[in-house]
Amino acid sequence: MSKRNALLVCAAVIIGCATTTAPAQPDLGAHYRVTLQPDPPLLAAASLGVTISYGACGSNREFVLGYRRRSETEVEIWLRKVTPDESCRMLVTERRVFLVPELVRAAAVVTLLRPEDDAYQLRP
């Protein structure tokens, strides 16, 4: 292979890598679970109420809400646990409320991505 052809191949690979789409599964951070029973996740007005469980040395660990548009009418949302995993054996289960942006509020279809690999449809 000539030097010119090798450079063309490298350029094509770099361009291909630079134009890839968002990953199929977003970064959900450290380990946690979204609990569906007894209170399932609820998208109401400008907030998402969700019960989460995680192992920790105490409660109130940091989570952030992420989202992305899948189409003109569909949005996916998820939580990312920012606080790293801890070696404590205490199981924390708590109900949290997160503000959702206008893009999520206006979407006809909203799906919650969960670490358990099965998405939970919040709307319709």
PDB file of N, CA and C in Angstrom:
ATOM      1  N   MET A   1       0.852  -1.162   0.000  1.00  0.00           N
ATOM      2  CA  MET A   1       0.000   0.000   0.000  1.00  0.00           C
ATOM      3  C   MET A   1       0.904   1.233   0.000  1.00  0.00           C
ATOM      4  N   SER A   2       0.555   2.174  -0.856  1.00  0.00           N
ATOM      5  CA  SER A   2       1.366   3.387  -0.935  1.00  0.00           C
ATOM      6  C   SER A   2       1.102   4.287   0.264  1.00  0.00           C
ATOM      7  N   LYS A   3       2.000   5.222   0.455  1.00  0.00           N
ATOM      8  CA  LYS A   3       1.871   6.157   1.570  1.00  0.00           C
ATOM      9  C   LYS A   3       0.599   6.992   1.430  1.00  0.00           C
ATOM     10  N   ARG A   4       0.261   7.355   0.200  1.00  0.00           N
ATOM     11  CA  ARG A   4      -0.944   8.150  -0.067  1.00  0.00           C
ATOM     12  C   ARG A   4      -2.198   7.367   0.300  1.00  0.00           C
ATOM     13  N   ASN A   5      -2.258   6.108  -0.101  1.00  0.00           N
ATOM     14  CA  ASN A   5      -3.417   5.275   0.217  1.00  0.00           C
ATOM     15  C   ASN A   5      -3.550   5.061   1.726  1.00  0.00           C
ATOM     16  N   ALA A   6      -2.426   4.885   2.405  1.00  0.00           N
ATOM     17  CA  ALA A   6      -2.463   4.701   3.853  1.00  0.00           C
ATOM     18  C   ALA A   6      -3.007   5.952   4.540  1.00  0.00           C
ATOM     19  N   LEU A   7      -2.602   7.125   4.059  1.00  0.00           N
ATOM     20  CA  LEU A   7      -3.114   8.371   4.621  1.00  0.00           C
ATOM     21  C   LEU A   7      -4.611   8.522   4.370  1.00  0.00           C
ATOM     22  N   LEU A   8      -5.075   8.119   3.186  1.00  0.00           N
ATOM     23  CA  LEU A   8      -6.507   8.191   2.883  1.00  0.00           C
ATOM     24  C   LEU A   8      -7.318   7.268   3.799  1.00  0.00           C
ATOM     25  N   VAL A   9      -6.815   6.086   4.050  1.00  0.00           N
ATOM     26  CA  VAL A   9      -7.499   5.145   4.940  1.00  0.00           C
ATOM     27  C   VAL A   9      -7.557   5.711   6.360  1.00  0.00           C
ATOM     28  N   CYS A  10      -6.438   6.252   6.838  1.00  0.00           N
ATOM     29  CA  CYS A  10      -6.416   6.845   8.183  1.00  0.00           C
ATOM     30  C   CYS A  10      -7.395   8.009   8.283  1.00  0.00           C
ATOM     31  N   ALA A  11      -7.449   8.849   7.249  1.00  0.00           N
ATOM     32  CA  ALA A  11      -8.375   9.991   7.260  1.00  0.00           C
ATOM     33  C   ALA A  11      -9.825   9.511   7.291  1.00  0.00           C
ATOM     34  N   ALA A  12     -10.140   8.469   6.534  1.00  0.00           N
ATOM     35  CA  ALA A  12     -11.506   7.934   6.524  1.00  0.00           C
ATOM     36  C   ALA A  12     -11.891   7.375   7.888  1.00  0.00           C
ATOM     37  N   VAL A  13     -10.971   6.697   8.549  1.00  0.00           N
ATOM     38  CA  VAL A  13     -11.240   6.155   9.885  1.00  0.00           C
ATOM     39  C   VAL A  13     -11.473   7.285  10.883  1.00  0.00           C
ATOM     40  N   ILE A  14     -10.645   8.312  10.829  1.00  0.00           N
ATOM     41  CA  ILE A  14     -10.791   9.440  11.754  1.00  0.00           C
ATOM     42  C   ILE A  14     -12.120  10.145  11.527  1.00  0.00           C
ATOM     43  N   ILE A  15     -12.504  10.378  10.282  1.00  0.00           N
ATOM     44  CA  ILE A  15     -13.784  11.025   9.981  1.00  0.00           C
ATOM     45  C   ILE A  15     -14.941  10.154  10.444  1.00  0.00           C
ATOM     46  N   GLY A  16     -14.844   8.860  10.220  1.00  0.00           N
ATOM     47  CA  GLY A  16     -15.899   7.943  10.659  1.00  0.00           C
ATOM     48  C   GLY A  16     -16.066   7.942  12.166  1.00  0.00           C
ATOM     49  N   CYS A  17     -14.977   7.990  12.904  1.00  0.00           N
ATOM     50  CA  CYS A  17     -15.047   8.014  14.364  1.00  0.00           C
ATOM     51  C   CYS A  17     -15.588   9.345  14.868  1.00  0.00           C
ATOM     52  N   ALA A  18     -15.282  10.414  14.188  1.00  0.00           N
ATOM     53  CA  ALA A  18     -15.721  11.734  14.631  1.00  0.00           C
ATOM     54  C   ALA A  18     -17.205  11.959  14.386  1.00  0.00           C
ATOM     55  N   THR A  19     -17.827  11.197  13.503  1.00  0.00           N
ATOM     56  CA  THR A  19     -19.232  11.427  13.174  1.00  0.00           C
ATOM     57  C   THR A  19     -20.158  10.351  13.724  1.00  0.00           C
ATOM     58  N   THR A  20     -19.697   9.580  14.697  1.00  0.00           N
ATOM     59  CA  THR A  20     -20.566   8.557  15.264  1.00  0.00           C
ATOM     60  C   THR A  20     -21.661   9.203  16.101  1.00  0.00           C
ATOM     61  N   THR A  21     -22.769   8.505  16.253  1.00  0.00           N
ATOM     62  CA  THR A  21     -23.896   9.025  17.021  1.00  0.00           C
ATOM     63  C   THR A  21     -23.707   8.728  18.500  1.00  0.00           C
ATOM     64  N   ALA A  22     -24.626   9.213  19.307  1.00  0.00           N
ATOM     65  CA  ALA A  22     -24.571   8.996  20.752  1.00  0.00           C
ATOM     66  C   ALA A  22     -24.615   7.502  21.049  1.00  0.00           C
ATOM     67  N   PRO A  23     -24.003   7.073  22.144  1.00  0.00           N
ATOM     68  CA  PRO A  23     -24.000   5.649  22.479  1.00  0.00           C
ATOM     69  C   PRO A  23     -25.415   5.142  22.734  1.00  0.00           C
ATOM     70  N   ALA A  24     -25.618   3.851  22.479  1.00  0.00           N
ATOM     71  CA  ALA A  24     -26.938   3.259  22.671  1.00  0.00           C
ATOM     72  C   ALA A  24     -27.368   3.354  24.127  1.00  0.00           C
ATOM     73  N   GLN A  25     -26.452   3.166  25.046  1.00  0.00           N
ATOM     74  CA  GLN A  25     -26.762   3.245  26.477  1.00  0.00           C
ATOM     75  C   GLN A  25     -25.915   4.359  27.087  1.00  0.00           C
ATOM     76  N   PRO A  26     -26.536   5.373  27.648  1.00  0.00           N
ATOM     77  CA  PRO A  26     -25.762   6.462  28.252  1.00  0.00           C
ATOM     78  C   PRO A  26     -25.049   6.012  29.525  1.00  0.00           C
ATOM     79  N   ASP A  27     -24.140   6.837  29.993  1.00  0.00           N
ATOM     80  CA  ASP A  27     -23.408   6.560  31.229  1.00  0.00           C
ATOM     81  C   ASP A  27     -24.339   6.744  32.419  1.00  0.00           C
ATOM     82  N   LEU A  28     -24.619   5.660  33.138  1.00  0.00           N
ATOM     83  CA  LEU A  28     -25.513   5.702  34.291  1.00  0.00           C
ATOM     84  C   LEU A  28     -24.754   5.855  35.601  1.00  0.00           C
ATOM     85  N   GLY A  29     -23.446   5.941  35.517  1.00  0.00           N
ATOM     86  CA  GLY A  29     -22.640   6.160  36.716  1.00  0.00           C
ATOM     87  C   GLY A  29     -22.476   4.911  37.553  1.00  0.00           C
ATOM     88  N   ALA A  30     -22.346   5.130  38.864  1.00  0.00           N
ATOM     89  CA  ALA A  30     -22.146   4.026  39.808  1.00  0.00           C
ATOM     90  C   ALA A  30     -23.424   3.185  39.918  1.00  0.00           C
ATOM     91  N   HIS A  31     -23.324   2.056  40.591  1.00  0.00           N
ATOM     92  CA  HIS A  31     -24.426   1.094  40.672  1.00  0.00           C
ATOM     93  C   HIS A  31     -25.622   1.617  41.462  1.00  0.00           C
ATOM     94  N   TYR A  32     -26.798   1.394  40.898  1.00  0.00           N
ATOM     95  CA  TYR A  32     -28.069   1.682  41.562  1.00  0.00           C
ATOM     96  C   TYR A  32     -29.175   0.956  40.819  1.00  0.00           C
ATOM     97  N   ARG A  33     -30.361   0.939  41.392  1.00  0.00           N
ATOM     98  CA  ARG A  33     -31.527   0.331  40.762  1.00  0.00           C
ATOM     99  C   ARG A  33     -32.695   1.291  40.866  1.00  0.00           C
ATOM    100  N   VAL A  34     -33.552   1.284  39.852  1.00  0.00           N
ATOM    101  CA  VAL A  34     -34.815   2.016  39.905  1.00  0.00           C
ATOM    102  C   VAL A  34     -35.867   1.026  40.352  1.00  0.00           C
ATOM    103  N   THR A  35     -36.555   1.342  41.441  1.00  0.00           N
ATOM    104  CA  THR A  35     -37.554   0.456  42.020  1.00  0.00           C
ATOM    105  C   THR A  35     -38.929   0.789  41.432  1.00  0.00           C
ATOM    106  N   LEU A  36     -39.621  -0.242  40.954  1.00  0.00           N
ATOM    107  CA  LEU A  36     -40.941  -0.033  40.361  1.00  0.00           C
ATOM    108  C   LEU A  36     -42.087  -0.252  41.339  1.00  0.00           C
ATOM    109  N   GLN A  37     -41.840  -0.979  42.421  1.00  0.00           N
ATOM    110  CA  GLN A  37     -42.889  -1.273  43.407  1.00  0.00           C
ATOM    111  C   GLN A  37     -42.453  -0.803  44.774  1.00  0.00           C
ATOM    112  N   PRO A  38     -43.256  -0.262  45.609  1.00  0.00           N
ATOM    113  CA  PRO A  38     -44.688  -0.068  45.433  1.00  0.00           C
ATOM    114  C   PRO A  38     -45.033   1.201  44.664  1.00  0.00           C
ATOM    115  N   ASP A  39     -44.082   2.132  44.511  1.00  0.00           N
ATOM    116  CA  ASP A  39     -44.355   3.389  43.816  1.00  0.00           C
ATOM    117  C   ASP A  39     -43.534   3.475  42.537  1.00  0.00           C
ATOM    118  N   PRO A  40     -44.168   3.312  41.377  1.00  0.00           N
ATOM    119  CA  PRO A  40     -43.419   3.379  40.111  1.00  0.00           C
ATOM    120  C   PRO A  40     -42.965   4.808  39.813  1.00  0.00           C
ATOM    121  N   PRO A  41     -42.001   4.959  38.916  1.00  0.00           N
ATOM    122  CA  PRO A  41     -41.586   6.295  38.501  1.00  0.00           C
ATOM    123  C   PRO A  41     -42.785   7.067  37.948  1.00  0.00           C
ATOM    124  N   LEU A  42     -42.802   8.375  38.205  1.00  0.00           N
ATOM    125  CA  LEU A  42     -43.937   9.195  37.800  1.00  0.00           C
ATOM    126  C   LEU A  42     -43.433  10.513  37.233  1.00  0.00           C
ATOM    127  N   LEU A  43     -43.850  10.790  35.998  1.00  0.00           N
ATOM    128  CA  LEU A  43     -43.535  12.054  35.345  1.00  0.00           C
ATOM    129  C   LEU A  43     -44.775  12.924  35.444  1.00  0.00           C
ATOM    130  N   ALA A  44     -44.676  14.006  36.202  1.00  0.00           N
ATOM    131  CA  ALA A  44     -45.827  14.884  36.411  1.00  0.00           C
ATOM    132  C   ALA A  44     -45.373  16.334  36.332  1.00  0.00           C
ATOM    133  N   ALA A  45     -46.057  17.096  35.488  1.00  0.00           N
ATOM    134  CA  ALA A  45     -45.750  18.521  35.310  1.00  0.00           C
ATOM    135  C   ALA A  45     -44.265  18.687  34.970  1.00  0.00           C
ATOM    136  N   ALA A  46     -43.505  19.308  35.840  1.00  0.00           N
ATOM    137  CA  ALA A  46     -42.103  19.612  35.549  1.00  0.00           C
ATOM    138  C   ALA A  46     -41.132  18.744  36.339  1.00  0.00           C
ATOM    139  N   SER A  47     -41.601  17.578  36.834  1.00  0.00           N
ATOM    140  CA  SER A  47     -40.712  16.765  37.661  1.00  0.00           C
ATOM    141  C   SER A  47     -40.873  15.270  37.409  1.00  0.00           C
ATOM    142  N   LEU A  48     -39.827  14.554  37.749  1.00  0.00           N
ATOM    143  CA  LEU A  48     -39.814  13.093  37.722  1.00  0.00           C
ATOM    144  C   LEU A  48     -39.644  12.620  39.152  1.00  0.00           C
ATOM    145  N   GLY A  49     -40.599  11.836  39.638  1.00  0.00           N
ATOM    146  CA  GLY A  49     -40.475  11.197  40.941  1.00  0.00           C
ATOM    147  C   GLY A  49     -40.071   9.752  40.731  1.00  0.00           C
ATOM    148  N   VAL A  50     -39.037   9.304  41.415  1.00  0.00           N
ATOM    149  CA  VAL A  50     -38.521   7.952  41.200  1.00  0.00           C
ATOM    150  C   VAL A  50     -37.932   7.418  42.503  1.00  0.00           C
ATOM    151  N   THR A  51     -38.156   6.115  42.749  1.00  0.00           N
ATOM    152  CA  THR A  51     -37.571   5.456  43.910  1.00  0.00           C
ATOM    153  C   THR A  51     -36.319   4.727  43.451  1.00  0.00           C
ATOM    154  N   ILE A  52     -35.209   4.999  44.132  1.00  0.00           N
ATOM    155  CA  ILE A  52     -33.932   4.400  43.764  1.00  0.00           C
ATOM    156  C   ILE A  52     -33.353   3.662  44.963  1.00  0.00           C
ATOM    157  N   SER A  53     -32.606   2.597  44.665  1.00  0.00           N
ATOM    158  CA  SER A  53     -31.920   1.819  45.698  1.00  0.00           C
ATOM    159  C   SER A  53     -30.453   1.708  45.309  1.00  0.00           C
ATOM    160  N   TYR A  54     -29.590   1.810  46.318  1.00  0.00           N
ATOM    161  CA  TYR A  54     -28.153   1.702  46.074  1.00  0.00           C
ATOM    162  C   TYR A  54     -27.440   1.347  47.372  1.00  0.00           C
ATOM    163  N   GLY A  55     -26.283   0.752  47.250  1.00  0.00           N
ATOM    164  CA  GLY A  55     -25.468   0.444  48.414  1.00  0.00           C
ATOM    165  C   GLY A  55     -24.598   1.636  48.753  1.00  0.00           C
ATOM    166  N   ALA A  56     -24.565   1.989  50.056  1.00  0.00           N
ATOM    167  CA  ALA A  56     -23.785   3.161  50.461  1.00  0.00           C
ATOM    168  C   ALA A  56     -23.557   3.148  51.960  1.00  0.00           C
ATOM    169  N   CYS A  57     -22.769   4.104  52.411  1.00  0.00           N
ATOM    170  CA  CYS A  57     -22.518   4.286  53.841  1.00  0.00           C
ATOM    171  C   CYS A  57     -23.513   5.258  54.452  1.00  0.00           C
ATOM    172  N   GLY A  58     -24.379   5.848  53.650  1.00  0.00           N
ATOM    173  CA  GLY A  58     -25.395   6.789  54.102  1.00  0.00           C
ATOM    174  C   GLY A  58     -26.285   7.155  52.928  1.00  0.00           C
ATOM    175  N   SER A  59     -27.307   7.949  53.187  1.00  0.00           N
ATOM    176  CA  SER A  59     -28.246   8.298  52.124  1.00  0.00           C
ATOM    177  C   SER A  59     -27.857   9.614  51.456  1.00  0.00           C
ATOM    178  N   ASN A  60     -28.717  10.036  50.543  1.00  0.00           N
ATOM    179  CA  ASN A  60     -28.602  11.323  49.871  1.00  0.00           C
ATOM    180  C   ASN A  60     -27.356  11.431  48.995  1.00  0.00           C
ATOM    181  N   ARG A  61     -27.065  10.397  48.238  1.00  0.00           N
ATOM    182  CA  ARG A  61     -25.952  10.436  47.305  1.00  0.00           C
ATOM    183  C   ARG A  61     -26.359  11.224  46.071  1.00  0.00           C
ATOM    184  N   GLU A  62     -25.376  11.715  45.316  1.00  0.00           N
ATOM    185  CA  GLU A  62     -25.663  12.618  44.201  1.00  0.00           C
ATOM    186  C   GLU A  62     -26.063  11.865  42.930  1.00  0.00           C
ATOM    187  N   PHE A  63     -27.198  12.277  42.364  1.00  0.00           N
ATOM    188  CA  PHE A  63     -27.700  11.802  41.083  1.00  0.00           C
ATOM    189  C   PHE A  63     -27.997  13.015  40.213  1.00  0.00           C
ATOM    190  N   VAL A  64     -27.812  12.874  38.905  1.00  0.00           N
ATOM    191  CA  VAL A  64     -28.197  13.925  37.965  1.00  0.00           C
ATOM    192  C   VAL A  64     -29.073  13.304  36.884  1.00  0.00           C
ATOM    193  N   LEU A  65     -29.984  14.107  36.372  1.00  0.00           N
ATOM    194  CA  LEU A  65     -30.893  13.666  35.317  1.00  0.00           C
ATOM    195  C   LEU A  65     -30.279  13.976  33.963  1.00  0.00           C
ATOM    196  N   GLY A  66     -30.242  12.974  33.096  1.00  0.00           N
ATOM    197  CA  GLY A  66     -29.789  13.162  31.724  1.00  0.00           C
ATOM    198  C   GLY A  66     -30.941  12.908  30.776  1.00  0.00           C
ATOM    199  N   TYR A  67     -30.839  13.422  29.558  1.00  0.00           N
ATOM    200  CA  TYR A  67     -31.902  13.204  28.572  1.00  0.00           C
ATOM    201  C   TYR A  67     -31.346  13.378  27.168  1.00  0.00           C
ATOM    202  N   ARG A  68     -32.080  12.815  26.206  1.00  0.00           N
ATOM    203  CA  ARG A  68     -31.750  12.996  24.799  1.00  0.00           C
ATOM    204  C   ARG A  68     -33.011  12.813  23.967  1.00  0.00           C
ATOM    205  N   ARG A  69     -33.056  13.530  22.879  1.00  0.00           N
ATOM    206  CA  ARG A  69     -34.178  13.419  21.944  1.00  0.00           C
ATOM    207  C   ARG A  69     -33.906  12.273  20.990  1.00  0.00           C
ATOM    208  N   ARG A  70     -34.861  11.372  20.853  1.00  0.00           N
ATOM    209  CA  ARG A  70     -34.735  10.246  19.916  1.00  0.00           C
ATOM    210  C   ARG A  70     -35.421  10.561  18.593  1.00  0.00           C
ATOM    211  N   SER A  71     -36.461  11.384  18.634  1.00  0.00           N
ATOM    212  CA  SER A  71     -37.168  11.822  17.434  1.00  0.00           C
ATOM    213  C   SER A  71     -37.891  13.114  17.782  1.00  0.00           C
ATOM    214  N   GLU A  72     -38.690  13.627  16.877  1.00  0.00           N
ATOM    215  CA  GLU A  72     -39.421  14.869  17.134  1.00  0.00           C
ATOM    216  C   GLU A  72     -40.393  14.744  18.299  1.00  0.00           C
ATOM    217  N   THR A  73     -40.863  13.520  18.567  1.00  0.00           N
ATOM    218  CA  THR A  73     -41.874  13.337  19.611  1.00  0.00           C
ATOM    219  C   THR A  73     -41.406  12.464  20.772  1.00  0.00           C
ATOM    220  N   GLU A  74     -40.202  11.905  20.688  1.00  0.00           N
ATOM    221  CA  GLU A  74     -39.747  10.936  21.693  1.00  0.00           C
ATOM    222  C   GLU A  74     -38.458  11.388  22.368  1.00  0.00           C
ATOM    223  N   VAL A  75     -38.444  11.262  23.708  1.00  0.00           N
ATOM    224  CA  VAL A  75     -37.285  11.616  24.518  1.00  0.00           C
ATOM    225  C   VAL A  75     -36.980  10.469  25.472  1.00  0.00           C
ATOM    226  N   GLU A  76     -35.689  10.217  25.691  1.00  0.00           N
ATOM    227  CA  GLU A  76     -35.250   9.259  26.710  1.00  0.00           C
ATOM    228  C   GLU A  76     -34.612  10.042  27.845  1.00  0.00           C
ATOM    229  N   ILE A  77     -34.894   9.607  29.078  1.00  0.00           N
ATOM    230  CA  ILE A  77     -34.266  10.220  30.246  1.00  0.00           C
ATOM    231  C   ILE A  77     -33.626   9.117  31.079  1.00  0.00           C
ATOM    232  N   TRP A  78     -32.674   9.491  31.927  1.00  0.00           N
ATOM    233  CA  TRP A  78     -31.994   8.538  32.790  1.00  0.00           C
ATOM    234  C   TRP A  78     -31.383   9.291  33.962  1.00  0.00           C
ATOM    235  N   LEU A  79     -31.020   8.533  34.957  1.00  0.00           N
ATOM    236  CA  LEU A  79     -30.288   9.073  36.096  1.00  0.00           C
ATOM    237  C   LEU A  79     -28.856   8.580  36.024  1.00  0.00           C
ATOM    238  N   ARG A  80     -27.933   9.444  36.409  1.00  0.00           N
ATOM    239  CA  ARG A  80     -26.527   9.050  36.527  1.00  0.00           C
ATOM    240  C   ARG A  80     -26.133   9.262  37.976  1.00  0.00           C
ATOM    241  N   LYS A  81     -25.682   8.174  38.597  1.00  0.00           N
ATOM    242  CA  LYS A  81     -25.231   8.268  39.985  1.00  0.00           C
ATOM    243  C   LYS A  81     -23.795   8.783  39.975  1.00  0.00           C
ATOM    244  N   VAL A  82     -23.637  10.015  40.427  1.00  0.00           N
ATOM    245  CA  VAL A  82     -22.332  10.681  40.412  1.00  0.00           C
ATOM    246  C   VAL A  82     -21.449  10.163  41.534  1.00  0.00           C
ATOM    247  N   THR A  83     -22.021   9.943  42.704  1.00  0.00           N
ATOM    248  CA  THR A  83     -21.252   9.458  43.845  1.00  0.00           C
ATOM    249  C   THR A  83     -20.731   8.055  43.532  1.00  0.00           C
ATOM    250  N   PRO A  84     -19.439   7.812  43.667  1.00  0.00           N
ATOM    251  CA  PRO A  84     -18.888   6.480  43.370  1.00  0.00           C
ATOM    252  C   PRO A  84     -19.448   5.406  44.301  1.00  0.00           C
ATOM    253  N   ASP A  85     -19.340   4.154  43.860  1.00  0.00           N
ATOM    254  CA  ASP A  85     -19.734   3.028  44.714  1.00  0.00           C
ATOM    255  C   ASP A  85     -18.918   3.060  46.003  1.00  0.00           C
ATOM    256  N   GLU A  86     -19.548   2.613  47.097  1.00  0.00           N
ATOM    257  CA  GLU A  86     -18.890   2.572  48.398  1.00  0.00           C
ATOM    258  C   GLU A  86     -18.864   1.126  48.889  1.00  0.00           C
ATOM    259  N   SER A  87     -17.934   0.804  49.756  1.00  0.00           N
ATOM    260  CA  SER A  87     -17.775  -0.578  50.215  1.00  0.00           C
ATOM    261  C   SER A  87     -18.711  -0.943  51.362  1.00  0.00           C
ATOM    262  N   CYS A  88     -19.542  -0.024  51.812  1.00  0.00           N
ATOM    263  CA  CYS A  88     -20.488  -0.323  52.900  1.00  0.00           C
ATOM    264  C   CYS A  88     -21.572  -1.285  52.415  1.00  0.00           C
ATOM    265  N   ARG A  89     -22.160  -2.020  53.328  1.00  0.00           N
ATOM    266  CA  ARG A  89     -23.180  -3.002  52.978  1.00  0.00           C
ATOM    267  C   ARG A  89     -24.605  -2.513  53.248  1.00  0.00           C
ATOM    268  N   MET A  90     -24.781  -1.249  53.542  1.00  0.00           N
ATOM    269  CA  MET A  90     -26.102  -0.707  53.815  1.00  0.00           C
ATOM    270  C   MET A  90     -26.848  -0.478  52.495  1.00  0.00           C
ATOM    271  N   LEU A  91     -28.107  -0.915  52.424  1.00  0.00           N
ATOM    272  CA  LEU A  91     -28.936  -0.677  51.252  1.00  0.00           C
ATOM    273  C   LEU A  91     -29.820   0.539  51.528  1.00  0.00           C
ATOM    274  N   VAL A  92     -29.682   1.535  50.689  1.00  0.00           N
ATOM    275  CA  VAL A  92     -30.471   2.763  50.815  1.00  0.00           C
ATOM    276  C   VAL A  92     -31.563   2.730  49.754  1.00  0.00           C
ATOM    277  N   THR A  93     -32.801   2.963  50.153  1.00  0.00           N
ATOM    278  CA  THR A  93     -33.919   3.100  49.231  1.00  0.00           C
ATOM    279  C   THR A  93     -34.601   4.411  49.554  1.00  0.00           C
ATOM    280  N   GLU A  94     -34.703   5.280  48.551  1.00  0.00           N
ATOM    281  CA  GLU A  94     -35.302   6.589  48.785  1.00  0.00           C
ATOM    282  C   GLU A  94     -36.037   7.079  47.550  1.00  0.00           C
ATOM    283  N   ARG A  95     -37.051   7.892  47.788  1.00  0.00           N
ATOM    284  CA  ARG A  95     -37.814   8.523  46.713  1.00  0.00           C
ATOM    285  C   ARG A  95     -37.186   9.889  46.451  1.00  0.00           C
ATOM    286  N   ARG A  96     -36.855  10.135  45.190  1.00  0.00           N
ATOM    287  CA  ARG A  96     -36.252  11.403  44.796  1.00  0.00           C
ATOM    288  C   ARG A  96     -37.126  12.083  43.745  1.00  0.00           C
ATOM    289  N   VAL A  97     -37.037  13.392  43.681  1.00  0.00           N
ATOM    290  CA  VAL A  97     -37.741  14.178  42.674  1.00  0.00           C
ATOM    291  C   VAL A  97     -36.709  15.010  41.922  1.00  0.00           C
ATOM    292  N   PHE A  98     -36.777  14.948  40.582  1.00  0.00           N
ATOM    293  CA  PHE A  98     -35.858  15.669  39.714  1.00  0.00           C
ATOM    294  C   PHE A  98     -36.649  16.597  38.803  1.00  0.00           C
ATOM    295  N   LEU A  99     -36.188  17.812  38.637  1.00  0.00           N
ATOM    296  CA  LEU A  99     -36.800  18.725  37.679  1.00  0.00           C
ATOM    297  C   LEU A  99     -36.448  18.265  36.274  1.00  0.00           C
ATOM    298  N   VAL A 100     -37.417  18.331  35.368  1.00  0.00           N
ATOM    299  CA  VAL A 100     -37.171  17.934  33.977  1.00  0.00           C
ATOM    300  C   VAL A 100     -37.214  19.175  33.086  1.00  0.00           C
ATOM    301  N   PRO A 101     -36.372  19.220  32.050  1.00  0.00           N
ATOM    302  CA  PRO A 101     -36.348  20.383  31.162  1.00  0.00           C
ATOM    303  C   PRO A 101     -37.580  20.417  30.248  1.00  0.00           C
ATOM    304  N   GLU A 102     -37.773  21.544  29.622  1.00  0.00           N
ATOM    305  CA  GLU A 102     -38.928  21.755  28.743  1.00  0.00           C
ATOM    306  C   GLU A 102     -38.990  20.723  27.619  1.00  0.00           C
ATOM    307  N   LEU A 103     -37.858  20.341  27.071  1.00  0.00           N
ATOM    308  CA  LEU A 103     -37.836  19.334  25.995  1.00  0.00           C
ATOM    309  C   LEU A 103     -38.526  18.051  26.443  1.00  0.00           C
ATOM    310  N   VAL A 104     -38.302  17.635  27.674  1.00  0.00           N
ATOM    311  CA  VAL A 104     -38.925  16.423  28.211  1.00  0.00           C
ATOM    312  C   VAL A 104     -40.409  16.663  28.470  1.00  0.00           C
ATOM    313  N   ARG A 105     -40.740  17.799  29.042  1.00  0.00           N
ATOM    314  CA  ARG A 105     -42.148  18.099  29.341  1.00  0.00           C
ATOM    315  C   ARG A 105     -42.994  18.134  28.088  1.00  0.00           C
ATOM    316  N   ALA A 106     -42.428  18.594  26.962  1.00  0.00           N
ATOM    317  CA  ALA A 106     -43.182  18.750  25.721  1.00  0.00           C
ATOM    318  C   ALA A 106     -43.260  17.465  24.900  1.00  0.00           C
ATOM    319  N   ALA A 107     -42.480  16.463  25.219  1.00  0.00           N
ATOM    320  CA  ALA A 107     -42.430  15.233  24.415  1.00  0.00           C
ATOM    321  C   ALA A 107     -43.693  14.390  24.598  1.00  0.00           C
ATOM    322  N   ALA A 108     -44.154  13.815  23.508  1.00  0.00           N
ATOM    323  CA  ALA A 108     -45.328  12.934  23.561  1.00  0.00           C
ATOM    324  C   ALA A 108     -44.976  11.577  24.155  1.00  0.00           C
ATOM    325  N   VAL A 109     -43.752  11.116  23.919  1.00  0.00           N
ATOM    326  CA  VAL A 109     -43.293   9.823  24.423  1.00  0.00           C
ATOM    327  C   VAL A 109     -42.031  10.061  25.255  1.00  0.00           C
ATOM    328  N   VAL A 110     -42.058   9.598  26.510  1.00  0.00           N
ATOM    329  CA  VAL A 110     -40.895   9.727  27.386  1.00  0.00           C
ATOM    330  C   VAL A 110     -40.596   8.361  27.989  1.00  0.00           C
ATOM    331  N   THR A 111     -39.362   7.915  27.845  1.00  0.00           N
ATOM    332  CA  THR A 111     -38.928   6.618  28.341  1.00  0.00           C
ATOM    333  C   THR A 111     -37.796   6.811  29.337  1.00  0.00           C
ATOM    334  N   LEU A 112     -37.894   6.120  30.473  1.00  0.00           N
ATOM    335  CA  LEU A 112     -36.850   6.144  31.494  1.00  0.00           C
ATOM    336  C   LEU A 112     -35.921   4.958  31.262  1.00  0.00           C
ATOM    337  N   LEU A 113     -34.646   5.229  30.985  1.00  0.00           N
ATOM    338  CA  LEU A 113     -33.654   4.171  30.836  1.00  0.00           C
ATOM    339  C   LEU A 113     -33.166   3.800  32.231  1.00  0.00           C
ATOM    340  N   ARG A 114     -33.071   2.489  32.488  1.00  0.00           N
ATOM    341  CA  ARG A 114     -32.711   2.007  33.819  1.00  0.00           C
ATOM    342  C   ARG A 114     -31.507   1.092  33.733  1.00  0.00           C
ATOM    343  N   PRO A 115     -30.729   0.992  34.817  1.00  0.00           N
ATOM    344  CA  PRO A 115     -29.574   0.089  34.824  1.00  0.00           C
ATOM    345  C   PRO A 115     -29.975  -1.373  34.632  1.00  0.00           C
ATOM    346  N   GLU A 116     -31.234  -1.690  34.902  1.00  0.00           N
ATOM    347  CA  GLU A 116     -31.703  -3.074  34.782  1.00  0.00           C
ATOM    348  C   GLU A 116     -31.907  -3.492  33.327  1.00  0.00           C
ATOM    349  N   ASP A 117     -31.595  -2.629  32.377  1.00  0.00           N
ATOM    350  CA  ASP A 117     -31.658  -2.892  30.941  1.00  0.00           C
ATOM    351  C   ASP A 117     -33.053  -2.875  30.351  1.00  0.00           C
ATOM    352  N   ASP A 118     -34.104  -2.850  31.134  1.00  0.00           N
ATOM    353  CA  ASP A 118     -35.436  -2.742  30.561  1.00  0.00           C
ATOM    354  C   ASP A 118     -35.955  -1.339  30.829  1.00  0.00           C
ATOM    355  N   ALA A 119     -36.209  -0.626  29.758  1.00  0.00           N
ATOM    356  CA  ALA A 119     -36.674   0.757  29.867  1.00  0.00           C
ATOM    357  C   ALA A 119     -38.092   0.786  30.416  1.00  0.00           C
ATOM    358  N   TYR A 120     -38.454   1.893  31.036  1.00  0.00           N
ATOM    359  CA  TYR A 120     -39.773   2.068  31.624  1.00  0.00           C
ATOM    360  C   TYR A 120     -40.446   3.255  30.947  1.00  0.00           C
ATOM    361  N   GLN A 121     -41.563   2.997  30.302  1.00  0.00           N
ATOM    362  CA  GLN A 121     -42.245   4.063  29.585  1.00  0.00           C
ATOM    363  C   GLN A 121     -43.059   4.917  30.545  1.00  0.00           C
ATOM    364  N   LEU A 122     -42.719   6.201  30.589  1.00  0.00           N
ATOM    365  CA  LEU A 122     -43.397   7.151  31.455  1.00  0.00           C
ATOM    366  C   LEU A 122     -44.591   7.817  30.781  1.00  0.00           C
ATOM    367  N   ARG A 123     -44.493   8.014  29.504  1.00  0.00           N
ATOM    368  CA  ARG A 123     -45.549   8.640  28.714  1.00  0.00           C
ATOM    369  C   ARG A 123     -45.517   8.078  27.338  1.00  0.00           C
ATOM    370  N   PRO A 124     -46.573   7.723  26.628  1.00  0.00           N
ATOM    371  CA  PRO A 124     -47.945   8.051  26.988  1.00  0.00           C
ATOM    372  C   PRO A 124     -48.448   7.166  28.089  1.00  0.00           C
TER     373      PRO A 124
END
